Amino acid sequence: IRVIEMAGIAPSPFCGMILADFGADVTVVDRPSKGAPEIPNVMD
């Protein structure tokens, strides 16, 4: 199962994590690190 996860905070990444844990091929589409606000992420 191929999943595209548009980068976000908390709920949607958790949902994507559940799918990945059970075998889904999850690709996160994130913003560029420069020139646009970062998705808040306080965890390295």
Full PDB file with SEQRES, HELIX, SHEET, SSBOND, CRYST1, ORIGX, SCALE, CONECT and MASTER records, all heavy atoms in Angstrom:
SEQRES   1 A   44  ILE ARG VAL ILE GLU MET ALA GLY ILE ALA PRO SER PRO          
SEQRES   2 A   44  PHE CYS GLY MET ILE LEU ALA ASP PHE GLY ALA ASP VAL          
SEQRES   3 A   44  THR VAL VAL ASP ARG PRO SER LYS GLY ALA PRO GLU ILE          
SEQRES   4 A   44  PRO ASN VAL MET ASP                                          
HELIX    1 AA1 PRO A   11  ASP A   21  1                                  11    
SHEET    1 AA1 2 ARG A   2  MET A   6  0                                        
SHEET    2 AA1 2 ASP A  25  VAL A  29  1                                        
CRYST1    1.000    1.000    1.000  90.00  90.00  90.00 P 1           1          
ORIGX1      1.000000  0.000000  0.000000        0.00000                         
ORIGX2      0.000000  1.000000  0.000000        0.00000                         
ORIGX3      0.000000  0.000000  1.000000        0.00000                         
SCALE1      1.000000  0.000000  0.000000        0.00000                         
SCALE2      0.000000  1.000000  0.000000        0.00000                         
SCALE3      0.000000  0.000000  1.000000        0.00000                         
ATOM      1  N   ILE A   1       0.854  -1.190   0.000  1.00  0.00           N  
ATOM      2  CA  ILE A   1       0.000   0.000   0.000  1.00  0.00           C  
ATOM      3  C   ILE A   1       0.891   1.242   0.000  1.00  0.00           C  
ATOM      4  O   ILE A   1       1.728   1.422   0.881  1.00  0.00           O  
ATOM      5  CB  ILE A   1      -0.936   0.027   1.232  1.00  0.00           C  
ATOM      6  CG1 ILE A   1      -1.904  -1.163   1.178  1.00  0.00           C  
ATOM      7  CG2 ILE A   1      -1.711   1.337   1.298  1.00  0.00           C  
ATOM      8  CD1 ILE A   1      -2.871  -1.143   0.019  1.00  0.00           C  
ATOM      9  N   ARG A   2       0.721   2.107  -1.000  1.00  0.00           N  
ATOM     10  CA  ARG A   2       1.546   3.303  -1.143  1.00  0.00           C  
ATOM     11  C   ARG A   2       0.798   4.518  -0.614  1.00  0.00           C  
ATOM     12  O   ARG A   2      -0.318   4.816  -1.051  1.00  0.00           O  
ATOM     13  CB  ARG A   2       1.928   3.496  -2.606  1.00  0.00           C  
ATOM     14  CG  ARG A   2       2.941   2.472  -3.113  1.00  0.00           C  
ATOM     15  CD  ARG A   2       3.022   2.449  -4.613  1.00  0.00           C  
ATOM     16  NE  ARG A   2       1.762   1.956  -5.182  1.00  0.00           N  
ATOM     17  CZ  ARG A   2       1.564   1.770  -6.489  1.00  0.00           C  
ATOM     18  NH1 ARG A   2       2.517   2.051  -7.347  1.00  0.00           N  
ATOM     19  NH2 ARG A   2       0.409   1.314  -6.937  1.00  0.00           N  
ATOM     20  N   VAL A   3       1.434   5.219   0.304  1.00  0.00           N  
ATOM     21  CA  VAL A   3       0.819   6.352   0.992  1.00  0.00           C  
ATOM     22  C   VAL A   3       1.645   7.610   0.764  1.00  0.00           C  
ATOM     23  O   VAL A   3       2.875   7.585   0.926  1.00  0.00           O  
ATOM     24  CB  VAL A   3       0.693   6.089   2.514  1.00  0.00           C  
ATOM     25  CG1 VAL A   3       0.074   7.286   3.224  1.00  0.00           C  
ATOM     26  CG2 VAL A   3      -0.118   4.823   2.774  1.00  0.00           C  
ATOM     27  N   ILE A   4       0.971   8.701   0.413  1.00  0.00           N  
ATOM     28  CA  ILE A   4       1.606  10.018   0.379  1.00  0.00           C  
ATOM     29  C   ILE A   4       1.106  10.787   1.588  1.00  0.00           C  
ATOM     30  O   ILE A   4      -0.105  10.963   1.770  1.00  0.00           O  
ATOM     31  CB  ILE A   4       1.248  10.788  -0.901  1.00  0.00           C  
ATOM     32  CG1 ILE A   4       1.700  10.026  -2.140  1.00  0.00           C  
ATOM     33  CG2 ILE A   4       1.878  12.186  -0.882  1.00  0.00           C  
ATOM     34  CD1 ILE A   4       1.173  10.617  -3.433  1.00  0.00           C  
ATOM     35  N   GLU A   5       2.015  11.221   2.416  1.00  0.00           N  
ATOM     36  CA  GLU A   5       1.662  11.996   3.614  1.00  0.00           C  
ATOM     37  C   GLU A   5       2.156  13.428   3.440  1.00  0.00           C  
ATOM     38  O   GLU A   5       3.353  13.673   3.390  1.00  0.00           O  
ATOM     39  CB  GLU A   5       2.287  11.368   4.857  1.00  0.00           C  
ATOM     40  CG  GLU A   5       2.044  12.142   6.136  1.00  0.00           C  
ATOM     41  CD  GLU A   5       2.919  11.650   7.289  1.00  0.00           C  
ATOM     42  OE1 GLU A   5       3.027  10.416   7.463  1.00  0.00           O  
ATOM     43  OE2 GLU A   5       3.496  12.512   7.998  1.00  0.00           O  
ATOM     44  N   MET A   6       1.230  14.361   3.330  1.00  0.00           N  
ATOM     45  CA  MET A   6       1.606  15.764   3.263  1.00  0.00           C  
ATOM     46  C   MET A   6       2.057  16.189   4.656  1.00  0.00           C  
ATOM     47  O   MET A   6       1.324  16.013   5.637  1.00  0.00           O  
ATOM     48  CB  MET A   6       0.428  16.618   2.784  1.00  0.00           C  
ATOM     49  CG  MET A   6      -0.195  16.152   1.470  1.00  0.00           C  
ATOM     50  SD  MET A   6       0.970  16.068   0.087  1.00  0.00           S  
ATOM     51  CE  MET A   6       1.264  17.826  -0.206  1.00  0.00           C  
ATOM     52  N   ALA A   7       3.258  16.734   4.773  1.00  0.00           N  
ATOM     53  CA  ALA A   7       3.852  17.008   6.085  1.00  0.00           C  
ATOM     54  C   ALA A   7       2.956  17.893   6.939  1.00  0.00           C  
ATOM     55  O   ALA A   7       2.390  18.881   6.468  1.00  0.00           O  
ATOM     56  CB  ALA A   7       5.219  17.662   5.910  1.00  0.00           C  
ATOM     57  N   GLY A   8       2.827  17.537   8.189  1.00  0.00           N  
ATOM     58  CA  GLY A   8       2.027  18.313   9.134  1.00  0.00           C  
ATOM     59  C   GLY A   8       2.548  18.069  10.536  1.00  0.00           C  
ATOM     60  O   GLY A   8       3.653  17.542  10.726  1.00  0.00           O  
ATOM     61  N   ILE A   9       1.762  18.422  11.527  1.00  0.00           N  
ATOM     62  CA  ILE A   9       2.170  18.226  12.917  1.00  0.00           C  
ATOM     63  C   ILE A   9       1.197  17.297  13.633  1.00  0.00           C  
ATOM     64  O   ILE A   9      -0.006  17.301  13.360  1.00  0.00           O  
ATOM     65  CB  ILE A   9       2.282  19.567  13.678  1.00  0.00           C  
ATOM     66  CG1 ILE A   9       0.953  20.333  13.640  1.00  0.00           C  
ATOM     67  CG2 ILE A   9       3.392  20.426  13.095  1.00  0.00           C  
ATOM     68  CD1 ILE A   9       0.937  21.569  14.503  1.00  0.00           C  
ATOM     69  N   ALA A  10       1.734  16.505  14.515  1.00  0.00           N  
ATOM     70  CA  ALA A  10       1.029  15.659  15.481  1.00  0.00           C  
ATOM     71  C   ALA A  10       0.057  14.656  14.865  1.00  0.00           C  
ATOM     72  O   ALA A  10       0.449  13.514  14.600  1.00  0.00           O  
ATOM     73  CB  ALA A  10       0.362  16.527  16.541  1.00  0.00           C  
ATOM     74  N   PRO A  11      -1.222  14.986  14.638  1.00  0.00           N  
ATOM     75  CA  PRO A  11      -2.191  13.939  14.290  1.00  0.00           C  
ATOM     76  C   PRO A  11      -1.905  13.221  12.983  1.00  0.00           C  
ATOM     77  O   PRO A  11      -1.941  11.983  12.933  1.00  0.00           O  
ATOM     78  CB  PRO A  11      -3.520  14.699  14.212  1.00  0.00           C  
ATOM     79  CG  PRO A  11      -3.300  15.988  14.891  1.00  0.00           C  
ATOM     80  CD  PRO A  11      -1.856  16.311  14.725  1.00  0.00           C  
ATOM     81  N   SER A  12      -1.641  13.961  11.897  1.00  0.00           N  
ATOM     82  CA  SER A  12      -1.448  13.294  10.606  1.00  0.00           C  
ATOM     83  C   SER A  12      -0.147  12.484  10.567  1.00  0.00           C  
ATOM     84  O   SER A  12      -0.149  11.354  10.041  1.00  0.00           O  
ATOM     85  CB  SER A  12      -1.535  14.291   9.449  1.00  0.00           C  
ATOM     86  OG  SER A  12      -0.627  15.360   9.594  1.00  0.00           O  
ATOM     87  N   PRO A  13       0.989  12.979  11.110  1.00  0.00           N  
ATOM     88  CA  PRO A  13       2.173  12.110  11.161  1.00  0.00           C  
ATOM     89  C   PRO A  13       1.957  10.854  11.997  1.00  0.00           C  
ATOM     90  O   PRO A  13       2.501   9.790  11.690  1.00  0.00           O  
ATOM     91  CB  PRO A  13       3.244  13.002  11.776  1.00  0.00           C  
ATOM     92  CG  PRO A  13       2.801  14.389  11.489  1.00  0.00           C  
ATOM     93  CD  PRO A  13       1.304  14.342  11.531  1.00  0.00           C  
ATOM     94  N   PHE A  14       1.162  10.966  13.063  1.00  0.00           N  
ATOM     95  CA  PHE A  14       0.850   9.789  13.881  1.00  0.00           C  
ATOM     96  C   PHE A  14       0.052   8.784  13.064  1.00  0.00           C  
ATOM     97  O   PHE A  14       0.323   7.578  13.097  1.00  0.00           O  
ATOM     98  CB  PHE A  14       0.075  10.214  15.123  1.00  0.00           C  
ATOM     99  CG  PHE A  14      -0.377   9.069  15.999  1.00  0.00           C  
ATOM    100  CD1 PHE A  14       0.542   8.214  16.577  1.00  0.00           C  
ATOM    101  CD2 PHE A  14      -1.727   8.848  16.245  1.00  0.00           C  
ATOM    102  CE1 PHE A  14       0.129   7.154  17.384  1.00  0.00           C  
ATOM    103  CE2 PHE A  14      -2.149   7.805  17.043  1.00  0.00           C  
ATOM    104  CZ  PHE A  14      -1.220   6.952  17.618  1.00  0.00           C  
ATOM    105  N   CYS A  15      -0.922   9.284  12.309  1.00  0.00           N  
ATOM    106  CA  CYS A  15      -1.706   8.405  11.434  1.00  0.00           C  
ATOM    107  C   CYS A  15      -0.794   7.718  10.429  1.00  0.00           C  
ATOM    108  O   CYS A  15      -0.876   6.501  10.224  1.00  0.00           O  
ATOM    109  CB  CYS A  15      -2.776   9.228  10.721  1.00  0.00           C  
ATOM    110  SG  CYS A  15      -3.794   8.280   9.563  1.00  0.00           S  
ATOM    111  N   GLY A  16       0.101   8.488   9.799  1.00  0.00           N  
ATOM    112  CA  GLY A  16       1.032   7.901   8.850  1.00  0.00           C  
ATOM    113  C   GLY A  16       1.957   6.889   9.491  1.00  0.00           C  
ATOM    114  O   GLY A  16       2.319   5.877   8.878  1.00  0.00           O  
ATOM    115  N   MET A  17       2.348   7.133  10.750  1.00  0.00           N  
ATOM    116  CA  MET A  17       3.203   6.200  11.473  1.00  0.00           C  
ATOM    117  C   MET A  17       2.502   4.862  11.667  1.00  0.00           C  
ATOM    118  O   MET A  17       3.112   3.797  11.520  1.00  0.00           O  
ATOM    119  CB  MET A  17       3.588   6.782  12.837  1.00  0.00           C  
ATOM    120  CG  MET A  17       4.548   5.931  13.647  1.00  0.00           C  
ATOM    121  SD  MET A  17       4.473   6.290  15.426  1.00  0.00           S  
ATOM    122  CE  MET A  17       2.963   5.414  15.880  1.00  0.00           C  
ATOM    123  N   ILE A  18       1.220   4.905  12.008  1.00  0.00           N  
ATOM    124  CA  ILE A  18       0.453   3.671  12.182  1.00  0.00           C  
ATOM    125  C   ILE A  18       0.471   2.862  10.893  1.00  0.00           C  
ATOM    126  O   ILE A  18       0.712   1.645  10.896  1.00  0.00           O  
ATOM    127  CB  ILE A  18      -0.995   3.989  12.598  1.00  0.00           C  
ATOM    128  CG1 ILE A  18      -1.039   4.643  13.981  1.00  0.00           C  
ATOM    129  CG2 ILE A  18      -1.847   2.720  12.598  1.00  0.00           C  
ATOM    130  CD1 ILE A  18      -2.405   5.200  14.353  1.00  0.00           C  
ATOM    131  N   LEU A  19       0.225   3.534   9.774  1.00  0.00           N  
ATOM    132  CA  LEU A  19       0.206   2.840   8.484  1.00  0.00           C  
ATOM    133  C   LEU A  19       1.582   2.259   8.157  1.00  0.00           C  
ATOM    134  O   LEU A  19       1.689   1.127   7.682  1.00  0.00           O  
ATOM    135  CB  LEU A  19      -0.244   3.803   7.386  1.00  0.00           C  
ATOM    136  CG  LEU A  19      -1.613   4.468   7.584  1.00  0.00           C  
ATOM    137  CD1 LEU A  19      -1.906   5.431   6.436  1.00  0.00           C  
ATOM    138  CD2 LEU A  19      -2.723   3.434   7.707  1.00  0.00           C  
ATOM    139  N   ALA A  20       2.649   3.037   8.439  1.00  0.00           N  
ATOM    140  CA  ALA A  20       4.004   2.556   8.173  1.00  0.00           C  
ATOM    141  C   ALA A  20       4.365   1.375   9.061  1.00  0.00           C  
ATOM    142  O   ALA A  20       5.007   0.418   8.618  1.00  0.00           O  
ATOM    143  CB  ALA A  20       5.006   3.695   8.373  1.00  0.00           C  
ATOM    144  N   ASP A  21       3.954   1.422  10.336  1.00  0.00           N  
ATOM    145  CA  ASP A  21       4.240   0.319  11.257  1.00  0.00           C  
ATOM    146  C   ASP A  21       3.695  -1.000  10.729  1.00  0.00           C  
ATOM    147  O   ASP A  21       4.270  -2.068  10.981  1.00  0.00           O  
ATOM    148  CB  ASP A  21       3.630   0.595  12.633  1.00  0.00           C  
ATOM    149  CG  ASP A  21       4.448   1.562  13.472  1.00  0.00           C  
ATOM    150  OD1 ASP A  21       5.589   1.871  13.090  1.00  0.00           O  
ATOM    151  OD2 ASP A  21       3.929   2.011  14.518  1.00  0.00           O  
ATOM    152  N   PHE A  22       2.564  -0.932  10.030  1.00  0.00           N  
ATOM    153  CA  PHE A  22       1.927  -2.155   9.556  1.00  0.00           C  
ATOM    154  C   PHE A  22       2.172  -2.399   8.068  1.00  0.00           C  
ATOM    155  O   PHE A  22       1.417  -3.112   7.420  1.00  0.00           O  
ATOM    156  CB  PHE A  22       0.446  -2.149   9.924  1.00  0.00           C  
ATOM    157  CG  PHE A  22       0.227  -2.375  11.392  1.00  0.00           C  
ATOM    158  CD1 PHE A  22       0.138  -1.303  12.275  1.00  0.00           C  
ATOM    159  CD2 PHE A  22       0.175  -3.653  11.916  1.00  0.00           C  
ATOM    160  CE1 PHE A  22      -0.022  -1.503  13.644  1.00  0.00           C  
ATOM    161  CE2 PHE A  22       0.027  -3.864  13.279  1.00  0.00           C  
ATOM    162  CZ  PHE A  22      -0.073  -2.794  14.144  1.00  0.00           C  
ATOM    163  N   GLY A  23       3.252  -1.808   7.553  1.00  0.00           N  
ATOM    164  CA  GLY A  23       3.762  -2.212   6.255  1.00  0.00           C  
ATOM    165  C   GLY A  23       3.587  -1.258   5.109  1.00  0.00           C  
ATOM    166  O   GLY A  23       4.136  -1.484   4.026  1.00  0.00           O  
ATOM    167  N   ALA A  24       2.818  -0.188   5.263  1.00  0.00           N  
ATOM    168  CA  ALA A  24       2.594   0.730   4.154  1.00  0.00           C  
ATOM    169  C   ALA A  24       3.884   1.446   3.763  1.00  0.00           C  
ATOM    170  O   ALA A  24       4.731   1.735   4.612  1.00  0.00           O  
ATOM    171  CB  ALA A  24       1.519   1.756   4.508  1.00  0.00           C  
ATOM    172  N   ASP A  25       4.031   1.726   2.476  1.00  0.00           N  
ATOM    173  CA  ASP A  25       5.162   2.485   1.949  1.00  0.00           C  
ATOM    174  C   ASP A  25       4.772   3.958   2.012  1.00  0.00           C  
ATOM    175  O   ASP A  25       4.033   4.451   1.160  1.00  0.00           O  
ATOM    176  CB  ASP A  25       5.431   2.050   0.511  1.00  0.00           C  
ATOM    177  CG  ASP A  25       6.602   2.790  -0.131  1.00  0.00           C  
ATOM    178  OD1 ASP A  25       7.181   3.672   0.529  1.00  0.00           O  
ATOM    179  OD2 ASP A  25       6.915   2.490  -1.291  1.00  0.00           O  
ATOM    180  N   VAL A  26       5.248   4.664   3.045  1.00  0.00           N  
ATOM    181  CA  VAL A  26       4.821   6.034   3.312  1.00  0.00           C  
ATOM    182  C   VAL A  26       5.911   7.017   2.886  1.00  0.00           C  
ATOM    183  O   VAL A  26       7.054   6.916   3.355  1.00  0.00           O  
ATOM    184  CB  VAL A  26       4.491   6.247   4.799  1.00  0.00           C  
ATOM    185  CG1 VAL A  26       4.029   7.688   5.046  1.00  0.00           C  
ATOM    186  CG2 VAL A  26       3.408   5.263   5.250  1.00  0.00           C  
ATOM    187  N   THR A  27       5.544   7.946   2.025  1.00  0.00           N  
ATOM    188  CA  THR A  27       6.450   9.013   1.607  1.00  0.00           C  
ATOM    189  C   THR A  27       5.913  10.345   2.093  1.00  0.00           C  
ATOM    190  O   THR A  27       4.783  10.723   1.764  1.00  0.00           O  
ATOM    191  CB  THR A  27       6.590   9.064   0.074  1.00  0.00           C  
ATOM    192  OG1 THR A  27       7.092   7.811  -0.400  1.00  0.00           O  
ATOM    193  CG2 THR A  27       7.548  10.176  -0.342  1.00  0.00           C  
ATOM    194  N   VAL A  28       6.691  11.051   2.894  1.00  0.00           N  
ATOM    195  CA  VAL A  28       6.305  12.360   3.406  1.00  0.00           C  
ATOM    196  C   VAL A  28       6.706  13.430   2.399  1.00  0.00           C  
ATOM    197  O   VAL A  28       7.858  13.481   1.966  1.00  0.00           O  
ATOM    198  CB  VAL A  28       6.969  12.650   4.762  1.00  0.00           C  
ATOM    199  CG1 VAL A  28       6.546  14.023   5.287  1.00  0.00           C  
ATOM    200  CG2 VAL A  28       6.616  11.566   5.776  1.00  0.00           C  
ATOM    201  N   VAL A  29       5.761  14.280   2.013  1.00  0.00           N  
ATOM    202  CA  VAL A  29       6.042  15.416   1.142  1.00  0.00           C  
ATOM    203  C   VAL A  29       6.161  16.654   2.030  1.00  0.00           C  
ATOM    204  O   VAL A  29       5.171  17.136   2.574  1.00  0.00           O  
ATOM    205  CB  VAL A  29       4.928  15.617   0.091  1.00  0.00           C  
ATOM    206  CG1 VAL A  29       5.187  16.889  -0.727  1.00  0.00           C  
ATOM    207  CG2 VAL A  29       4.850  14.400  -0.817  1.00  0.00           C  
ATOM    208  N   ASP A  30       7.379  17.139   2.195  1.00  0.00           N  
ATOM    209  CA  ASP A  30       7.640  18.267   3.080  1.00  0.00           C  
ATOM    210  C   ASP A  30       7.998  19.499   2.267  1.00  0.00           C  
ATOM    211  O   ASP A  30       8.308  19.416   1.076  1.00  0.00           O  
ATOM    212  CB  ASP A  30       8.777  17.929   4.049  1.00  0.00           C  
ATOM    213  CG  ASP A  30       8.702  18.713   5.348  1.00  0.00           C  
ATOM    214  OD1 ASP A  30       7.928  19.684   5.418  1.00  0.00           O  
ATOM    215  OD2 ASP A  30       9.444  18.355   6.290  1.00  0.00           O  
ATOM    216  N   ARG A  31       7.986  20.660   2.923  1.00  0.00           N  
ATOM    217  CA  ARG A  31       8.363  21.914   2.291  1.00  0.00           C  
ATOM    218  C   ARG A  31       9.882  22.012   2.186  1.00  0.00           C  
ATOM    219  O   ARG A  31      10.603  21.321   2.909  1.00  0.00           O  
ATOM    220  CB  ARG A  31       7.853  23.090   3.129  1.00  0.00           C  
ATOM    221  CG  ARG A  31       6.363  23.102   3.358  1.00  0.00           C  
ATOM    222  CD  ARG A  31       6.012  24.154   4.388  1.00  0.00           C  
ATOM    223  NE  ARG A  31       4.585  24.199   4.661  1.00  0.00           N  
ATOM    224  CZ  ARG A  31       4.025  24.947   5.614  1.00  0.00           C  
ATOM    225  NH1 ARG A  31       4.795  25.688   6.383  1.00  0.00           N  
ATOM    226  NH2 ARG A  31       2.725  24.945   5.786  1.00  0.00           N  
ATOM    227  N   PRO A  32      10.373  22.887   1.326  1.00  0.00           N  
ATOM    228  CA  PRO A  32      11.818  23.158   1.326  1.00  0.00           C  
ATOM    229  C   PRO A  32      12.243  23.714   2.675  1.00  0.00           C  
ATOM    230  O   PRO A  32      11.458  24.366   3.374  1.00  0.00           O  
ATOM    231  CB  PRO A  32      11.997  24.199   0.226  1.00  0.00           C  
ATOM    232  CG  PRO A  32      10.780  24.077  -0.627  1.00  0.00           C  
ATOM    233  CD  PRO A  32       9.671  23.644   0.287  1.00  0.00           C  
ATOM    234  N   SER A  33      13.485  23.457   3.058  1.00  0.00           N  
ATOM    235  CA  SER A  33      13.972  23.954   4.342  1.00  0.00           C  
ATOM    236  C   SER A  33      14.304  25.436   4.281  1.00  0.00           C  
ATOM    237  O   SER A  33      14.455  26.077   5.312  1.00  0.00           O  
ATOM    238  CB  SER A  33      15.210  23.176   4.777  1.00  0.00           C  
ATOM    239  OG  SER A  33      16.250  23.309   3.818  1.00  0.00           O  
ATOM    240  N   LYS A  34      14.413  25.985   3.062  1.00  0.00           N  
ATOM    241  CA  LYS A  34      14.698  27.404   2.894  1.00  0.00           C  
ATOM    242  C   LYS A  34      13.622  28.050   2.022  1.00  0.00           C  
ATOM    243  O   LYS A  34      13.123  27.429   1.101  1.00  0.00           O  
ATOM    244  CB  LYS A  34      16.072  27.610   2.241  1.00  0.00           C  
ATOM    245  CG  LYS A  34      17.237  27.071   3.055  1.00  0.00           C  
ATOM    246  CD  LYS A  34      18.557  27.271   2.319  1.00  0.00           C  
ATOM    247  CE  LYS A  34      19.714  26.715   3.129  1.00  0.00           C  
ATOM    248  NZ  LYS A  34      21.011  26.870   2.413  1.00  0.00           N  
ATOM    249  N   GLY A  35      13.319  29.297   2.355  1.00  0.00           N  
ATOM    250  CA  GLY A  35      12.395  30.045   1.526  1.00  0.00           C  
ATOM    251  C   GLY A  35      10.937  29.845   1.862  1.00  0.00           C  
ATOM    252  O   GLY A  35      10.067  30.413   1.231  1.00  0.00           O  
ATOM    253  N   ALA A  36      10.636  29.018   2.868  1.00  0.00           N  
ATOM    254  CA  ALA A  36       9.250  28.803   3.285  1.00  0.00           C  
ATOM    255  C   ALA A  36       9.247  28.436   4.756  1.00  0.00           C  
ATOM    256  O   ALA A  36      10.226  27.889   5.262  1.00  0.00           O  
ATOM    257  CB  ALA A  36       8.609  27.681   2.458  1.00  0.00           C  
ATOM    258  N   PRO A  37       8.168  28.751   5.474  1.00  0.00           N  
ATOM    259  CA  PRO A  37       8.124  28.400   6.900  1.00  0.00           C  
ATOM    260  C   PRO A  37       8.238  26.901   7.099  1.00  0.00           C  
ATOM    261  O   PRO A  37       7.655  26.120   6.355  1.00  0.00           O  
ATOM    262  CB  PRO A  37       6.742  28.915   7.348  1.00  0.00           C  
ATOM    263  CG  PRO A  37       6.332  29.895   6.303  1.00  0.00           C  
ATOM    264  CD  PRO A  37       6.949  29.427   5.019  1.00  0.00           C  
ATOM    265  N   GLU A  38       9.018  26.509   8.078  1.00  0.00           N  
ATOM    266  CA  GLU A  38       9.161  25.095   8.395  1.00  0.00           C  
ATOM    267  C   GLU A  38       7.909  24.582   9.095  1.00  0.00           C  
ATOM    268  O   GLU A  38       7.273  25.301   9.862  1.00  0.00           O  
ATOM    269  CB  GLU A  38      10.360  24.873   9.315  1.00  0.00           C  
ATOM    270  CG  GLU A  38      11.693  24.769   8.599  1.00  0.00           C  
ATOM    271  CD  GLU A  38      11.859  23.430   7.903  1.00  0.00           C  
ATOM    272  OE1 GLU A  38      11.378  22.407   8.399  1.00  0.00           O  
ATOM    273  OE2 GLU A  38      12.487  23.428   6.833  1.00  0.00           O  
ATOM    274  N   ILE A  39       7.558  23.320   8.824  1.00  0.00           N  
ATOM    275  CA  ILE A  39       6.569  22.655   9.662  1.00  0.00           C  
ATOM    276  C   ILE A  39       7.170  22.554  11.060  1.00  0.00           C  
ATOM    277  O   ILE A  39       8.289  22.055  11.211  1.00  0.00           O  
ATOM    278  CB  ILE A  39       6.253  21.251   9.131  1.00  0.00           C  
ATOM    279  CG1 ILE A  39       5.622  21.323   7.732  1.00  0.00           C  
ATOM    280  CG2 ILE A  39       5.359  20.498  10.096  1.00  0.00           C  
ATOM    281  CD1 ILE A  39       4.267  21.958   7.703  1.00  0.00           C  
ATOM    282  N   PRO A  40       6.486  23.055  12.098  1.00  0.00           N  
ATOM    283  CA  PRO A  40       7.071  23.002  13.438  1.00  0.00           C  
ATOM    284  C   PRO A  40       7.455  21.579  13.821  1.00  0.00           C  
ATOM    285  O   PRO A  40       6.664  20.663  13.702  1.00  0.00           O  
ATOM    286  CB  PRO A  40       5.935  23.526  14.335  1.00  0.00           C  
ATOM    287  CG  PRO A  40       5.095  24.361  13.425  1.00  0.00           C  
ATOM    288  CD  PRO A  40       5.172  23.690  12.082  1.00  0.00           C  
ATOM    289  N   ASN A  41       8.681  21.393  14.226  1.00  0.00           N  
ATOM    290  CA  ASN A  41       9.163  20.080  14.631  1.00  0.00           C  
ATOM    291  C   ASN A  41      10.252  20.279  15.678  1.00  0.00           C  
ATOM    292  O   ASN A  41      11.359  20.661  15.357  1.00  0.00           O  
ATOM    293  CB  ASN A  41       9.714  19.305  13.439  1.00  0.00           C  
ATOM    294  CG  ASN A  41      10.140  17.896  13.824  1.00  0.00           C  
ATOM    295  OD1 ASN A  41       9.968  17.472  14.959  1.00  0.00           O  
ATOM    296  ND2 ASN A  41      10.702  17.170  12.879  1.00  0.00           N  
ATOM    297  N   VAL A  42       9.911  20.050  16.921  1.00  0.00           N  
ATOM    298  CA  VAL A  42      10.859  20.303  18.003  1.00  0.00           C  
ATOM    299  C   VAL A  42      11.715  19.076  18.298  1.00  0.00           C  
ATOM    300  O   VAL A  42      12.577  19.118  19.154  1.00  0.00           O  
ATOM    301  CB  VAL A  42      10.121  20.725  19.298  1.00  0.00           C  
ATOM    302  CG1 VAL A  42       9.388  22.028  19.083  1.00  0.00           C  
ATOM    303  CG2 VAL A  42       9.144  19.636  19.745  1.00  0.00           C  
ATOM    304  N   MET A  43      11.466  17.967  17.562  1.00  0.00           N  
ATOM    305  CA  MET A  43      12.195  16.737  17.842  1.00  0.00           C  
ATOM    306  C   MET A  43      13.123  16.399  16.686  1.00  0.00           C  
ATOM    307  O   MET A  43      12.676  16.277  15.537  1.00  0.00           O  
ATOM    308  CB  MET A  43      11.213  15.581  18.067  1.00  0.00           C  
ATOM    309  CG  MET A  43      10.354  15.746  19.301  1.00  0.00           C  
ATOM    310  SD  MET A  43       9.257  14.323  19.605  1.00  0.00           S  
ATOM    311  CE  MET A  43       7.995  14.609  18.369  1.00  0.00           C  
ATOM    312  N   ASP A  44      14.408  16.266  16.980  1.00  0.00           N  
ATOM    313  CA  ASP A  44      15.354  15.842  15.954  1.00  0.00           C  
ATOM    314  C   ASP A  44      15.114  14.390  15.558  1.00  0.00           C  
ATOM    315  O   ASP A  44      15.260  14.016  14.402  1.00  0.00           O  
ATOM    316  CB  ASP A  44      16.796  16.007  16.454  1.00  0.00           C  
ATOM    317  CG  ASP A  44      17.167  17.473  16.644  1.00  0.00           C  
ATOM    318  OD1 ASP A  44      16.660  18.312  15.880  1.00  0.00           O  
ATOM    319  OD2 ASP A  44      17.948  17.766  17.553  1.00  0.00           O  
TER     320      ASP A  44                                                      
MASTER        0    0    0    1    2    0    0    6  319    1    0    4          
END                                                                             
